[in-house]
């Protein structure tokens, strides 16, 4: 299995979707938690030193639910390498967004948004 650093757009799309589910959430903190876990995953997989543990949060809504699902699945795949992945704030963020999409019946992936 390989892993890469996801784009800031992916992080911001997921953070924006999560924030839409919660009235009072620090969007910047959510984006930073996502960035940090992605870096921790790369460190666990390749022994790489973190190069980006924060991002500048910008509200970016997914163009459609399939884009959001794709970005969440991509992030999940790239961020799961640390032993404690399922105990991290990033895991909880992505799981809540994915659960919402599942309840809406969203399926399919778009290769265009796997970044």
Protein backbone atom coordinates (compact mmCIF):
# COMPACT_ATOMS: atom_id res chain seq x y z
CA UNK A 1 0.00 0.00 0.00
CA UNK A 2 1.27 3.50 -0.77
CA UNK A 3 0.39 6.89 0.66
CA UNK A 4 0.78 10.49 -0.41
CA UNK A 5 0.14 13.98 0.91
CA UNK A 6 -3.40 14.95 -0.08
CA UNK A 7 -4.10 18.36 -1.54
CA UNK A 8 -5.10 21.33 0.56
CA UNK A 9 -8.30 21.39 -1.48
CA UNK A 10 -9.17 17.89 -0.28
CA UNK A 11 -8.52 18.86 3.33
CA UNK A 12 -10.60 22.02 3.01
CA UNK A 13 -13.49 20.26 1.27
CA UNK A 14 -13.66 17.66 4.07
CA UNK A 15 -13.31 20.31 6.81
CA UNK A 16 -16.07 22.39 5.20
CA UNK A 17 -18.41 19.39 4.95
CA UNK A 18 -17.74 18.48 8.57
CA UNK A 19 -18.36 22.06 9.71
CA UNK A 20 -21.72 22.02 7.93
CA UNK A 21 -22.73 19.13 10.21
CA UNK A 22 -21.77 21.03 13.38
CA UNK A 23 -22.84 24.57 14.22
CA UNK A 24 -19.92 25.54 16.41
CA UNK A 25 -16.68 24.01 15.23
CA UNK A 26 -13.25 25.53 14.75
CA UNK A 27 -12.84 24.94 11.03
CA UNK A 28 -9.13 25.77 11.14
CA UNK A 29 -8.58 23.21 13.88
CA UNK A 30 -10.41 20.56 11.84
CA UNK A 31 -8.28 21.31 8.77
CA UNK A 32 -5.11 21.16 10.89
CA UNK A 33 -6.15 17.82 12.43
CA UNK A 34 -6.66 16.40 8.95
CA UNK A 35 -3.30 17.71 7.72
CA UNK A 36 -1.48 16.42 10.78
CA UNK A 37 -2.91 12.92 10.49
CA UNK A 38 -2.01 12.74 6.81
CA UNK A 39 1.58 13.63 7.74
CA UNK A 40 1.59 11.10 10.60
CA UNK A 41 0.49 8.45 8.11
CA UNK A 42 3.37 9.28 5.77
CA UNK A 43 5.78 9.20 8.69
CA UNK A 44 4.47 5.78 9.76
CA UNK A 45 4.60 4.40 6.23
CA UNK A 46 7.88 5.86 4.97
CA UNK A 47 9.64 7.33 8.00
CA UNK A 48 9.35 10.79 6.45
CA UNK A 49 9.60 13.88 8.60
CA UNK A 50 6.42 15.97 8.50
CA UNK A 51 6.52 18.74 5.91
CA UNK A 52 3.03 20.16 6.44
CA UNK A 53 1.17 19.82 9.71
CA UNK A 54 -1.13 22.79 9.17
CA UNK A 55 -3.03 24.28 6.26
CA UNK A 56 -4.78 27.59 5.79
CA UNK A 57 -8.47 26.79 6.05
CA UNK A 58 -10.57 28.08 3.16
CA UNK A 59 -14.25 27.18 2.88
CA UNK A 60 -14.55 24.98 -0.20
CA UNK A 61 -17.75 23.08 -0.83
CA UNK A 62 -17.68 19.94 -2.94
CA UNK A 63 -19.30 20.41 -6.34
CA UNK A 64 -21.45 17.35 -5.69
CA UNK A 65 -21.77 14.46 -3.21
CA UNK A 66 -19.67 12.09 -5.34
CA UNK A 67 -16.77 14.55 -5.22
CA UNK A 68 -17.05 14.71 -1.43
CA UNK A 69 -17.23 10.92 -1.16
CA UNK A 70 -14.18 10.55 -3.40
CA UNK A 71 -12.14 13.09 -1.43
CA UNK A 72 -13.09 11.39 1.86
CA UNK A 73 -12.15 7.93 0.57
CA UNK A 74 -8.88 9.26 -0.83
CA UNK A 75 -8.05 10.99 2.44
CA UNK A 76 -8.97 7.89 4.42
CA UNK A 77 -6.64 5.75 2.29
CA UNK A 78 -3.76 8.23 2.61
CA UNK A 79 -4.16 8.88 6.34
CA UNK A 80 -4.67 5.38 7.76
CA UNK A 81 -1.07 4.22 8.18
CA UNK A 82 -0.51 5.27 11.81
CA UNK A 83 -1.29 2.61 14.41
CA UNK A 84 -3.76 4.85 16.21
CA UNK A 85 -5.64 6.01 13.09
CA UNK A 86 -9.04 4.91 14.37
CA UNK A 87 -8.52 6.89 17.60
CA UNK A 88 -7.62 10.20 15.95
CA UNK A 89 -9.78 13.31 15.55
CA UNK A 90 -9.22 13.09 11.78
CA UNK A 91 -10.71 9.59 11.70
CA UNK A 92 -13.82 10.81 13.54
CA UNK A 93 -14.20 13.76 11.16
CA UNK A 94 -14.03 11.61 8.05
CA UNK A 95 -16.27 8.91 9.52
CA UNK A 96 -18.99 11.45 10.35
CA UNK A 97 -18.92 12.87 6.83
CA UNK A 98 -18.94 9.37 5.30
CA UNK A 99 -21.83 8.28 7.53
CA UNK A 100 -23.85 11.29 6.39
CA UNK A 101 -23.13 10.50 2.74
CA UNK A 102 -24.06 6.85 3.29
CA UNK A 103 -27.39 7.86 4.82
CA UNK A 104 -28.01 10.00 1.72
CA UNK A 105 -27.35 6.97 -0.49
CA UNK A 106 -24.30 8.47 -2.20
CA UNK A 107 -22.22 5.95 -4.15
CA UNK A 108 -19.50 5.99 -6.78
CA UNK A 109 -16.07 7.56 -7.01
CA UNK A 110 -14.54 10.13 -9.32
CA UNK A 111 -10.91 9.60 -10.28
CA UNK A 112 -10.67 13.34 -10.95
CA UNK A 113 -10.85 14.16 -7.22
CA UNK A 114 -8.41 11.51 -5.91
CA UNK A 115 -5.79 14.04 -4.82
